[in-house]
Amino acid sequence: MKRPINKFILKTLLFIIPVFVFFEVLFRLGFYPVITNSTFFDVKMLTVQKQHVKNVKLLAIGSSVALYELDSKIITHNFNMPYYNFASWGLQITDTRVLLNSFVKSYHPKYVVLCSSFGDFIAPQNDTYLNYTSASDLIKDKFPELFYFKNYNSIYRVIRRKIQEYPPEADNWGGALLRVKKKGLNNDKLNKHDIFPTKYTPSNYAALVSLSASLKAQNVKLIFVEVPVKASYANTDRAKQILQAHFNKCEAIVERHGGLYLNYYNTTFFTDSLFLDQVHLQAAGAMILTREIVGDLKKVIH
């Protein structure tokens, strides 16, 4: 009886081991597993695992405005504490809330810098981020190759994503300054004047309330940064009223829960020449903004 069992186990191993070897080779070659529907997020989190990022006392997060508009070198030069930028393309506040619940447990930040624009309040929650946050620490921290099996996708999709959708590289702290020509990254959607608010805006405000309250309960200081917006976006009285109402709403939520609200919407200081589109600053503008933010952060970070 024992011999047939041993034979079965041997055959099973002979079948399984080549499969694991195949996926390990894929991983080593950079054909990473599909975890969420955001290529940039998946690559960033696998990079974090490779870098062995642990405690992050100063944690930055947000959508592309946080990714592109925080100069990592300026921040790390001014603050003697572990820093990392977890921002990713297209994050809504609903997504940021889900990710922060996981990141705070994993990285134990003392301060969270959330850079935001109105574009973070216009779309529904992306439930695919739950594929990452619901994974065990063993998978996220030790064996990310297991994501091939946890969230199975075809080999074709894995290879296609690598070839066609691979995002630009971030720096050692997760940031990426924009140094492209105007036509290189022109988000037509954000260049429109009627995209905000939407039917999803209230749920994103509710997520900001939840996020702010959760950080306060965990004794984590939230610093909400309202990034600059190109002057041409708010060139009508109606647009200015909508934008100001949004600023007031965010400020009230953040400050009611003990956070710090910083607003850098200044069309005189941040002129149109510094922008790539309505909300994204080129590298020169990002450096100016980061220095302004650092000056204000020094008043609260000790």
C-alpha atoms as a PDB file:
ATOM      1  CA  MET A   1       0.000   0.000   0.000  1.00  0.00           C
ATOM      2  CA  LYS A   2       2.828   2.357   0.861  1.00  0.00           C
ATOM      3  CA  ARG A   3       4.512   1.891  -2.523  1.00  0.00           C
ATOM      4  CA  PRO A   4       1.512   3.093  -4.623  1.00  0.00           C
ATOM      5  CA  ILE A   5       1.203   6.167  -2.411  1.00  0.00           C
ATOM      6  CA  ASN A   6       4.871   7.006  -2.836  1.00  0.00           C
ATOM      7  CA  LYS A   7       4.524   6.488  -6.572  1.00  0.00           C
ATOM      8  CA  PHE A   8       1.540   8.857  -6.668  1.00  0.00           C
ATOM      9  CA  ILE A   9       3.418  11.534  -4.689  1.00  0.00           C
ATOM     10  CA  LEU A  10       6.437  11.197  -6.980  1.00  0.00           C
ATOM     11  CA  LYS A  11       4.292  11.599 -10.124  1.00  0.00           C
ATOM     12  CA  THR A  12       2.516  14.589  -8.600  1.00  0.00           C
ATOM     13  CA  LEU A  13       5.841  16.263  -7.812  1.00  0.00           C
ATOM     14  CA  LEU A  14       7.147  15.542 -11.287  1.00  0.00           C
ATOM     15  CA  PHE A  15       4.100  17.360 -12.643  1.00  0.00           C
ATOM     16  CA  ILE A  16       4.092  20.306 -10.201  1.00  0.00           C
ATOM     17  CA  ILE A  17       7.805  21.119 -10.013  1.00  0.00           C
ATOM     18  CA  PRO A  18       8.205  22.000 -13.731  1.00  0.00           C
ATOM     19  CA  VAL A  19       5.179  24.300 -13.449  1.00  0.00           C
ATOM     20  CA  PHE A  20       6.719  26.171 -10.522  1.00  0.00           C
ATOM     21  CA  VAL A  21      10.086  26.314 -12.286  1.00  0.00           C
ATOM     22  CA  PHE A  22       8.426  27.757 -15.386  1.00  0.00           C
ATOM     23  CA  PHE A  23       6.698  30.556 -13.448  1.00  0.00           C
ATOM     24  CA  GLU A  24       9.879  31.266 -11.477  1.00  0.00           C
ATOM     25  CA  VAL A  25      11.755  31.744 -14.746  1.00  0.00           C
ATOM     26  CA  LEU A  26       9.005  34.089 -15.959  1.00  0.00           C
ATOM     27  CA  PHE A  27       9.313  36.089 -12.746  1.00  0.00           C
ATOM     28  CA  ARG A  28      13.094  36.322 -13.021  1.00  0.00           C
ATOM     29  CA  LEU A  29      12.768  37.588 -16.593  1.00  0.00           C
ATOM     30  CA  GLY A  30      10.404  40.358 -15.471  1.00  0.00           C
ATOM     31  CA  PHE A  31       7.172  38.866 -16.776  1.00  0.00           C
ATOM     32  CA  TYR A  32       5.411  39.604 -13.514  1.00  0.00           C
ATOM     33  CA  PRO A  33       2.064  38.196 -12.387  1.00  0.00           C
ATOM     34  CA  VAL A  34      -1.075  40.215 -13.018  1.00  0.00           C
ATOM     35  CA  ILE A  35      -2.266  41.231  -9.546  1.00  0.00           C
ATOM     36  CA  THR A  36      -4.537  44.187 -10.303  1.00  0.00           C
ATOM     37  CA  ASN A  37      -5.589  45.910 -13.518  1.00  0.00           C
ATOM     38  CA  SER A  38      -2.931  48.574 -12.882  1.00  0.00           C
ATOM     39  CA  THR A  39       0.390  47.581 -14.421  1.00  0.00           C
ATOM     40  CA  PHE A  40       2.216  50.378 -12.647  1.00  0.00           C
ATOM     41  CA  PHE A  41       0.872  49.398  -9.230  1.00  0.00           C
ATOM     42  CA  ASP A  42       1.781  45.743  -9.698  1.00  0.00           C
ATOM     43  CA  VAL A  43       5.333  46.531 -10.783  1.00  0.00           C
ATOM     44  CA  LYS A  44       5.760  49.023  -7.958  1.00  0.00           C
ATOM     45  CA  MET A  45       4.652  46.597  -5.253  1.00  0.00           C
ATOM     46  CA  LEU A  46       6.910  43.850  -6.609  1.00  0.00           C
ATOM     47  CA  THR A  47       9.751  46.387  -6.619  1.00  0.00           C
ATOM     48  CA  VAL A  48       8.979  47.252  -2.997  1.00  0.00           C
ATOM     49  CA  GLN A  49       9.291  43.546  -2.164  1.00  0.00           C
ATOM     50  CA  LYS A  50      12.648  43.313  -3.952  1.00  0.00           C
ATOM     51  CA  GLN A  51      13.911  46.430  -2.163  1.00  0.00           C
ATOM     52  CA  HIS A  52      12.933  44.924   1.211  1.00  0.00           C
ATOM     53  CA  VAL A  53      11.096  48.101   2.191  1.00  0.00           C
ATOM     54  CA  LYS A  54      10.073  47.768   5.836  1.00  0.00           C
ATOM     55  CA  ASN A  55       9.170  50.596   8.202  1.00  0.00           C
ATOM     56  CA  VAL A  56       8.272  53.806   6.342  1.00  0.00           C
ATOM     57  CA  LYS A  57       7.855  56.692   8.748  1.00  0.00           C
ATOM     58  CA  LEU A  58       6.995  59.213   6.016  1.00  0.00           C
ATOM     59  CA  LEU A  59       4.641  57.596   3.514  1.00  0.00           C
ATOM     60  CA  ALA A  60       3.397  59.346   0.386  1.00  0.00           C
ATOM     61  CA  ILE A  61       0.389  58.138  -1.578  1.00  0.00           C
ATOM     62  CA  GLY A  62      -2.116  59.260  -4.180  1.00  0.00           C
ATOM     63  CA  SER A  63      -2.672  59.089  -7.909  1.00  0.00           C
ATOM     64  CA  SER A  64      -0.328  60.240 -10.676  1.00  0.00           C
ATOM     65  CA  VAL A  65      -0.166  63.752  -9.226  1.00  0.00           C
ATOM     66  CA  ALA A  66       1.556  62.295  -6.161  1.00  0.00           C
ATOM     67  CA  LEU A  67       3.746  60.044  -8.284  1.00  0.00           C
ATOM     68  CA  TYR A  68       4.978  62.816 -10.572  1.00  0.00           C
ATOM     69  CA  GLU A  69       4.941  65.875  -8.330  1.00  0.00           C
ATOM     70  CA  LEU A  70       6.942  64.795  -5.277  1.00  0.00           C
ATOM     71  CA  ASP A  71      10.696  65.032  -5.825  1.00  0.00           C
ATOM     72  CA  SER A  72      12.115  62.131  -3.808  1.00  0.00           C
ATOM     73  CA  LYS A  73      15.632  63.562  -3.542  1.00  0.00           C
ATOM     74  CA  ILE A  74      14.411  66.847  -2.099  1.00  0.00           C
ATOM     75  CA  ILE A  75      12.261  65.037   0.470  1.00  0.00           C
ATOM     76  CA  THR A  76      14.913  62.552   1.581  1.00  0.00           C
ATOM     77  CA  HIS A  77      17.508  65.321   1.784  1.00  0.00           C
ATOM     78  CA  ASN A  78      15.321  67.289   4.200  1.00  0.00           C
ATOM     79  CA  PHE A  79      13.898  64.545   6.410  1.00  0.00           C
ATOM     80  CA  ASN A  80      16.037  62.016   8.229  1.00  0.00           C
ATOM     81  CA  MET A  81      13.495  59.219   8.289  1.00  0.00           C
ATOM     82  CA  PRO A  82      12.534  56.285   6.036  1.00  0.00           C
ATOM     83  CA  TYR A  83      10.445  57.551   3.110  1.00  0.00           C
ATOM     84  CA  TYR A  84       8.596  55.894   0.238  1.00  0.00           C
ATOM     85  CA  ASN A  85       6.111  57.063  -2.382  1.00  0.00           C
ATOM     86  CA  PHE A  86       3.358  54.455  -2.916  1.00  0.00           C
ATOM     87  CA  ALA A  87       1.413  56.559  -5.438  1.00  0.00           C
ATOM     88  CA  SER A  88       0.098  54.936  -8.596  1.00  0.00           C
ATOM     89  CA  TRP A  89      -1.751  55.921 -11.756  1.00  0.00           C
ATOM     90  CA  GLY A  90      -5.468  56.513 -11.510  1.00  0.00           C
ATOM     91  CA  LEU A  91      -6.029  55.927  -7.802  1.00  0.00           C
ATOM     92  CA  GLN A  92      -9.325  57.274  -6.533  1.00  0.00           C
ATOM     93  CA  ILE A  93      -9.734  58.183  -2.869  1.00  0.00           C
ATOM     94  CA  THR A  94     -11.788  54.990  -2.477  1.00  0.00           C
ATOM     95  CA  ASP A  95      -8.758  53.022  -3.699  1.00  0.00           C
ATOM     96  CA  THR A  96      -6.342  54.982  -1.534  1.00  0.00           C
ATOM     97  CA  ARG A  97      -8.445  54.171   1.526  1.00  0.00           C
ATOM     98  CA  VAL A  98      -8.241  50.425   0.789  1.00  0.00           C
ATOM     99  CA  LEU A  99      -4.501  50.546   0.159  1.00  0.00           C
ATOM    100  CA  LEU A 100      -3.744  52.682   3.206  1.00  0.00           C
ATOM    101  CA  ASN A 101      -5.534  50.203   5.458  1.00  0.00           C
ATOM    102  CA  SER A 102      -2.985  47.640   4.278  1.00  0.00           C
ATOM    103  CA  PHE A 103       0.070  49.920   4.098  1.00  0.00           C
ATOM    104  CA  VAL A 104      -0.337  51.303   7.610  1.00  0.00           C
ATOM    105  CA  LYS A 105      -0.339  47.767   9.010  1.00  0.00           C
ATOM    106  CA  SER A 106       2.663  46.754   6.924  1.00  0.00           C
ATOM    107  CA  TYR A 107       4.897  49.847   7.105  1.00  0.00           C
ATOM    108  CA  HIS A 108       3.852  51.610  10.350  1.00  0.00           C
ATOM    109  CA  PRO A 109       4.114  55.218   9.120  1.00  0.00           C
ATOM    110  CA  LYS A 110       4.050  58.172  11.474  1.00  0.00           C
ATOM    111  CA  TYR A 111       3.028  60.604   8.723  1.00  0.00           C
ATOM    112  CA  VAL A 112       0.988  60.044   5.549  1.00  0.00           C
ATOM    113  CA  VAL A 113       1.257  62.643   2.784  1.00  0.00           C
ATOM    114  CA  LEU A 114      -1.737  62.302   0.454  1.00  0.00           C
ATOM    115  CA  CYS A 115      -1.380  64.417  -2.688  1.00  0.00           C
ATOM    116  CA  SER A 116      -4.647  64.913  -4.500  1.00  0.00           C
ATOM    117  CA  SER A 117      -6.554  66.736  -7.199  1.00  0.00           C
ATOM    118  CA  PHE A 118     -10.214  66.758  -8.221  1.00  0.00           C
ATOM    119  CA  GLY A 119      -9.401  63.856 -10.573  1.00  0.00           C
ATOM    120  CA  ASP A 120      -9.202  61.543  -7.547  1.00  0.00           C
ATOM    121  CA  PHE A 121     -12.929  62.047  -6.914  1.00  0.00           C
ATOM    122  CA  ILE A 122     -14.488  61.178 -10.263  1.00  0.00           C
ATOM    123  CA  ALA A 123     -14.526  57.388 -10.671  1.00  0.00           C
ATOM    124  CA  PRO A 124     -15.735  54.259  -8.846  1.00  0.00           C
ATOM    125  CA  GLN A 125     -13.578  52.103  -6.621  1.00  0.00           C
ATOM    126  CA  ASN A 126     -11.229  49.697  -8.387  1.00  0.00           C
ATOM    127  CA  ASP A 127     -11.928  46.382  -6.671  1.00  0.00           C
ATOM    128  CA  THR A 128      -8.889  44.678  -8.200  1.00  0.00           C
ATOM    129  CA  TYR A 129      -6.690  46.296  -5.543  1.00  0.00           C
ATOM    130  CA  LEU A 130      -8.301  43.855  -3.129  1.00  0.00           C
ATOM    131  CA  ASN A 131      -6.366  41.109  -4.936  1.00  0.00           C
ATOM    132  CA  TYR A 132      -3.254  42.639  -3.393  1.00  0.00           C
ATOM    133  CA  THR A 133      -4.506  43.778  -0.010  1.00  0.00           C
ATOM    134  CA  SER A 134      -6.276  40.473   0.699  1.00  0.00           C
ATOM    135  CA  ALA A 135      -3.144  38.429   0.018  1.00  0.00           C
ATOM    136  CA  SER A 136      -1.211  37.054   2.966  1.00  0.00           C
ATOM    137  CA  ASP A 137       2.012  38.692   4.122  1.00  0.00           C
ATOM    138  CA  LEU A 138       3.785  35.494   3.098  1.00  0.00           C
ATOM    139  CA  ILE A 139       2.843  36.088  -0.536  1.00  0.00           C
ATOM    140  CA  LYS A 140       3.386  39.854  -0.519  1.00  0.00           C
ATOM    141  CA  ASP A 141       6.690  39.841   1.372  1.00  0.00           C
ATOM    142  CA  LYS A 142       8.294  36.472   0.634  1.00  0.00           C
ATOM    143  CA  PHE A 143       6.817  34.674  -2.350  1.00  0.00           C
ATOM    144  CA  PRO A 144       5.154  37.130  -4.781  1.00  0.00           C
ATOM    145  CA  GLU A 145       5.464  34.438  -7.464  1.00  0.00           C
ATOM    146  CA  LEU A 146       2.406  32.850  -5.859  1.00  0.00           C
ATOM    147  CA  PHE A 147       0.337  35.705  -7.299  1.00  0.00           C
ATOM    148  CA  TYR A 148       0.501  33.773 -10.588  1.00  0.00           C
ATOM    149  CA  PHE A 149      -1.757  31.213  -8.930  1.00  0.00           C
ATOM    150  CA  LYS A 150      -3.734  33.383  -6.499  1.00  0.00           C
ATOM    151  CA  ASN A 151      -4.999  35.622  -9.285  1.00  0.00           C
ATOM    152  CA  TYR A 152      -4.572  33.365 -12.284  1.00  0.00           C
ATOM    153  CA  ASN A 153      -4.213  34.972 -15.692  1.00  0.00           C
ATOM    154  CA  SER A 154      -3.201  33.408 -18.976  1.00  0.00           C
ATOM    155  CA  ILE A 155       0.456  33.309 -19.960  1.00  0.00           C
ATOM    156  CA  TYR A 156      -0.559  35.309 -23.022  1.00  0.00           C
ATOM    157  CA  ARG A 157      -1.811  38.181 -20.867  1.00  0.00           C
ATOM    158  CA  VAL A 158       1.288  38.102 -18.666  1.00  0.00           C
ATOM    159  CA  ILE A 159       3.589  38.328 -21.702  1.00  0.00           C
ATOM    160  CA  ARG A 160       1.395  40.875 -23.514  1.00  0.00           C
ATOM    161  CA  ARG A 161       1.363  43.139 -20.482  1.00  0.00           C
ATOM    162  CA  LYS A 162       5.157  43.087 -20.253  1.00  0.00           C
ATOM    163  CA  ILE A 163       5.585  43.923 -23.933  1.00  0.00           C
ATOM    164  CA  GLN A 164       2.778  46.441 -24.484  1.00  0.00           C
ATOM    165  CA  GLU A 165       1.905  47.975 -21.124  1.00  0.00           C
ATOM    166  CA  TYR A 166       5.122  48.122 -19.139  1.00  0.00           C
ATOM    167  CA  PRO A 167       5.287  51.412 -17.234  1.00  0.00           C
ATOM    168  CA  PRO A 168       8.273  53.749 -16.849  1.00  0.00           C
ATOM    169  CA  GLU A 169      10.647  53.082 -13.998  1.00  0.00           C
ATOM    170  CA  ALA A 170      10.316  54.905 -10.685  1.00  0.00           C
ATOM    171  CA  ASP A 171      13.259  56.067  -8.593  1.00  0.00           C
ATOM    172  CA  ASN A 172      14.542  54.282  -5.477  1.00  0.00           C
ATOM    173  CA  TRP A 173      11.800  55.895  -3.380  1.00  0.00           C
ATOM    174  CA  GLY A 174       8.895  55.221  -5.736  1.00  0.00           C
ATOM    175  CA  GLY A 175       8.653  58.653  -7.358  1.00  0.00           C
ATOM    176  CA  ALA A 176       8.938  59.591 -11.041  1.00  0.00           C
ATOM    177  CA  LEU A 177       9.338  63.148 -12.310  1.00  0.00           C
ATOM    178  CA  LEU A 178       7.851  64.064 -15.692  1.00  0.00           C
ATOM    179  CA  ARG A 179      10.342  65.062 -18.338  1.00  0.00           C
ATOM    180  CA  VAL A 180       8.338  64.671 -21.538  1.00  0.00           C
ATOM    181  CA  LYS A 181       7.172  66.866 -24.356  1.00  0.00           C
ATOM    182  CA  LYS A 182       3.649  68.225 -24.218  1.00  0.00           C
ATOM    183  CA  LYS A 183       2.420  65.636 -26.680  1.00  0.00           C
ATOM    184  CA  GLY A 184       4.082  62.833 -24.744  1.00  0.00           C
ATOM    185  CA  LEU A 185       1.423  62.567 -22.061  1.00  0.00           C
ATOM    186  CA  ASN A 186      -1.714  64.490 -22.818  1.00  0.00           C
ATOM    187  CA  ASN A 187      -4.727  63.265 -20.878  1.00  0.00           C
ATOM    188  CA  ASP A 188      -7.643  64.522 -22.946  1.00  0.00           C
ATOM    189  CA  LYS A 189     -10.081  63.578 -20.204  1.00  0.00           C
ATOM    190  CA  LEU A 190      -8.423  65.892 -17.691  1.00  0.00           C
ATOM    191  CA  ASN A 191      -8.290  68.680 -20.249  1.00  0.00           C
ATOM    192  CA  LYS A 192     -12.090  68.777 -20.311  1.00  0.00           C
ATOM    193  CA  HIS A 193     -13.909  71.173 -18.012  1.00  0.00           C
ATOM    194  CA  ASP A 194     -16.968  69.084 -17.215  1.00  0.00           C
ATOM    195  CA  ILE A 195     -15.490  65.951 -15.624  1.00  0.00           C
ATOM    196  CA  PHE A 196     -16.016  67.031 -12.005  1.00  0.00           C
ATOM    197  CA  PRO A 197     -18.079  66.380 -10.006  1.00  0.00           C
ATOM    198  CA  THR A 198     -19.563  63.008 -11.021  1.00  0.00           C
ATOM    199  CA  LYS A 199     -21.969  60.528  -9.469  1.00  0.00           C
ATOM    200  CA  TYR A 200     -18.937  58.902  -7.831  1.00  0.00           C
ATOM    201  CA  THR A 201     -17.733  62.055  -6.099  1.00  0.00           C
ATOM    202  CA  PRO A 202     -19.842  61.552  -2.912  1.00  0.00           C
ATOM    203  CA  SER A 203     -18.459  58.036  -2.386  1.00  0.00           C
ATOM    204  CA  ASN A 204     -14.935  59.389  -2.689  1.00  0.00           C
ATOM    205  CA  TYR A 205     -15.687  62.109  -0.130  1.00  0.00           C
ATOM    206  CA  ALA A 206     -17.042  59.379   2.163  1.00  0.00           C
ATOM    207  CA  ALA A 207     -13.828  57.424   1.637  1.00  0.00           C
ATOM    208  CA  LEU A 208     -11.823  60.486   2.649  1.00  0.00           C
ATOM    209  CA  VAL A 209     -13.859  60.672   5.867  1.00  0.00           C
ATOM    210  CA  SER A 210     -13.213  56.983   6.557  1.00  0.00           C
ATOM    211  CA  LEU A 211      -9.527  57.272   5.689  1.00  0.00           C
ATOM    212  CA  SER A 212      -9.030  60.343   7.890  1.00  0.00           C
ATOM    213  CA  ALA A 213     -10.817  58.787  10.854  1.00  0.00           C
ATOM    214  CA  SER A 214      -8.860  55.535  10.529  1.00  0.00           C
ATOM    215  CA  LEU A 215      -5.487  57.280  10.479  1.00  0.00           C
ATOM    216  CA  LYS A 216      -6.430  59.395  13.478  1.00  0.00           C
ATOM    217  CA  ALA A 217      -7.469  56.275  15.416  1.00  0.00           C
ATOM    218  CA  GLN A 218      -4.060  54.742  14.660  1.00  0.00           C
ATOM    219  CA  ASN A 219      -2.217  57.909  15.695  1.00  0.00           C
ATOM    220  CA  VAL A 220      -0.966  58.543  12.159  1.00  0.00           C
ATOM    221  CA  LYS A 221      -0.819  62.176  11.041  1.00  0.00           C
ATOM    222  CA  LEU A 222      -2.570  62.792   7.711  1.00  0.00           C
ATOM    223  CA  ILE A 223      -1.186  65.612   5.592  1.00  0.00           C
ATOM    224  CA  PHE A 224      -3.532  66.257   2.673  1.00  0.00           C
ATOM    225  CA  VAL A 225      -1.867  68.149  -0.175  1.00  0.00           C
ATOM    226  CA  GLU A 226      -4.078  69.883  -2.730  1.00  0.00           C
ATOM    227  CA  VAL A 227      -1.849  70.063  -5.793  1.00  0.00           C
ATOM    228  CA  PRO A 228      -1.843  72.980  -8.257  1.00  0.00           C
ATOM    229  CA  VAL A 229      -4.268  73.103 -11.171  1.00  0.00           C
ATOM    230  CA  LYS A 230      -3.618  74.846 -14.455  1.00  0.00           C
ATOM    231  CA  ALA A 231      -5.221  78.281 -14.680  1.00  0.00           C
ATOM    232  CA  SER A 232      -7.092  77.431 -17.846  1.00  0.00           C
ATOM    233  CA  TYR A 233      -9.090  74.740 -16.043  1.00  0.00           C
ATOM    234  CA  ALA A 234     -10.883  77.201 -13.795  1.00  0.00           C
ATOM    235  CA  ASN A 235     -11.340  80.019 -16.275  1.00  0.00           C
ATOM    236  CA  THR A 236     -15.055  80.537 -15.625  1.00  0.00           C
ATOM    237  CA  ASP A 237     -16.913  81.642 -12.514  1.00  0.00           C
ATOM    238  CA  ARG A 238     -18.774  78.329 -12.423  1.00  0.00           C
ATOM    239  CA  ALA A 239     -15.543  76.300 -12.590  1.00  0.00           C
ATOM    240  CA  LYS A 240     -13.973  78.434  -9.858  1.00  0.00           C
ATOM    241  CA  GLN A 241     -16.993  77.897  -7.609  1.00  0.00           C
ATOM    242  CA  ILE A 242     -16.919  74.124  -8.120  1.00  0.00           C
ATOM    243  CA  LEU A 243     -13.185  73.958  -7.446  1.00  0.00           C
ATOM    244  CA  GLN A 244     -13.445  76.138  -4.323  1.00  0.00           C
ATOM    245  CA  ALA A 245     -16.323  74.048  -2.992  1.00  0.00           C
ATOM    246  CA  HIS A 246     -14.152  70.951  -3.441  1.00  0.00           C
ATOM    247  CA  PHE A 247     -11.261  72.581  -1.591  1.00  0.00           C
ATOM    248  CA  ASN A 248     -13.565  73.578   1.274  1.00  0.00           C
ATOM    249  CA  LYS A 249     -15.028  70.071   1.492  1.00  0.00           C
ATOM    250  CA  CYS A 250     -11.636  68.349   1.646  1.00  0.00           C
ATOM    251  CA  GLU A 251     -10.266  70.852   4.141  1.00  0.00           C
ATOM    252  CA  ALA A 252     -13.260  70.407   6.457  1.00  0.00           C
ATOM    253  CA  ILE A 253     -13.002  66.604   6.380  1.00  0.00           C
ATOM    254  CA  VAL A 254      -9.254  66.480   6.956  1.00  0.00           C
ATOM    255  CA  GLU A 255      -9.132  69.076   9.734  1.00  0.00           C
ATOM    256  CA  ARG A 256     -12.180  67.615  11.495  1.00  0.00           C
ATOM    257  CA  HIS A 257     -10.159  64.442  11.998  1.00  0.00           C
ATOM    258  CA  GLY A 258      -6.974  66.135  13.164  1.00  0.00           C
ATOM    259  CA  GLY A 259      -5.161  66.154   9.819  1.00  0.00           C
ATOM    260  CA  LEU A 260      -3.288  68.979   8.134  1.00  0.00           C
ATOM    261  CA  TYR A 261      -4.704  70.435   4.914  1.00  0.00           C
ATOM    262  CA  LEU A 262      -2.270  72.190   2.552  1.00  0.00           C
ATOM    263  CA  ASN A 263      -3.515  73.879  -0.624  1.00  0.00           C
ATOM    264  CA  TYR A 264      -1.082  74.870  -3.393  1.00  0.00           C
ATOM    265  CA  TYR A 265      -3.628  76.009  -5.937  1.00  0.00           C
ATOM    266  CA  ASN A 266      -1.984  79.261  -7.002  1.00  0.00           C
ATOM    267  CA  THR A 267      -2.205  80.105 -10.695  1.00  0.00           C
ATOM    268  CA  THR A 268       0.158  83.067 -10.277  1.00  0.00           C
ATOM    269  CA  PHE A 269       2.922  81.030  -8.636  1.00  0.00           C
ATOM    270  CA  PHE A 270       2.358  77.824 -10.652  1.00  0.00           C
ATOM    271  CA  THR A 271       2.069  79.249 -14.146  1.00  0.00           C
ATOM    272  CA  ASP A 272       0.771  77.313 -17.142  1.00  0.00           C
ATOM    273  CA  SER A 273       4.305  76.805 -18.478  1.00  0.00           C
ATOM    274  CA  LEU A 274       5.033  74.427 -15.588  1.00  0.00           C
ATOM    275  CA  PHE A 275       2.205  72.053 -16.513  1.00  0.00           C
ATOM    276  CA  LEU A 276       1.991  69.151 -18.911  1.00  0.00           C
ATOM    277  CA  ASP A 277      -1.811  69.147 -18.851  1.00  0.00           C
ATOM    278  CA  GLN A 278      -4.453  70.546 -16.502  1.00  0.00           C
ATOM    279  CA  VAL A 279      -3.142  68.848 -13.339  1.00  0.00           C
ATOM    280  CA  HIS A 280       0.276  67.290 -14.021  1.00  0.00           C
ATOM    281  CA  LEU A 281       3.391  69.345 -13.397  1.00  0.00           C
ATOM    282  CA  GLN A 282       6.564  68.810 -15.373  1.00  0.00           C
ATOM    283  CA  ALA A 283       9.784  68.123 -13.414  1.00  0.00           C
ATOM    284  CA  ALA A 284      10.613  71.821 -12.979  1.00  0.00           C
ATOM    285  CA  GLY A 285       7.200  72.494 -11.473  1.00  0.00           C
ATOM    286  CA  ALA A 286       7.393  69.381  -9.307  1.00  0.00           C
ATOM    287  CA  MET A 287      10.663  70.570  -7.780  1.00  0.00           C
ATOM    288  CA  ILE A 288       9.115  73.940  -6.938  1.00  0.00           C
ATOM    289  CA  LEU A 289       6.048  72.275  -5.435  1.00  0.00           C
ATOM    290  CA  THR A 290       8.109  69.803  -3.398  1.00  0.00           C
ATOM    291  CA  ARG A 291      10.202  72.593  -1.885  1.00  0.00           C
ATOM    292  CA  GLU A 292       6.999  74.397  -0.887  1.00  0.00           C
ATOM    293  CA  ILE A 293       5.594  71.220   0.658  1.00  0.00           C
ATOM    294  CA  VAL A 294       8.832  70.473   2.504  1.00  0.00           C
ATOM    295  CA  GLY A 295       8.825  73.970   3.988  1.00  0.00           C
ATOM    296  CA  ASP A 296       5.332  73.393   5.397  1.00  0.00           C
ATOM    297  CA  LEU A 297       6.046  69.824   6.519  1.00  0.00           C
ATOM    298  CA  LYS A 298       8.991  71.002   8.614  1.00  0.00           C
ATOM    299  CA  LYS A 299       6.479  72.834  10.787  1.00  0.00           C
ATOM    300  CA  VAL A 300       4.826  69.547  11.810  1.00  0.00           C
ATOM    301  CA  ILE A 301       7.455  66.825  11.269  1.00  0.00           C
ATOM    302  CA  HIS A 302      10.133  66.706  13.922  1.00  0.00           C
END
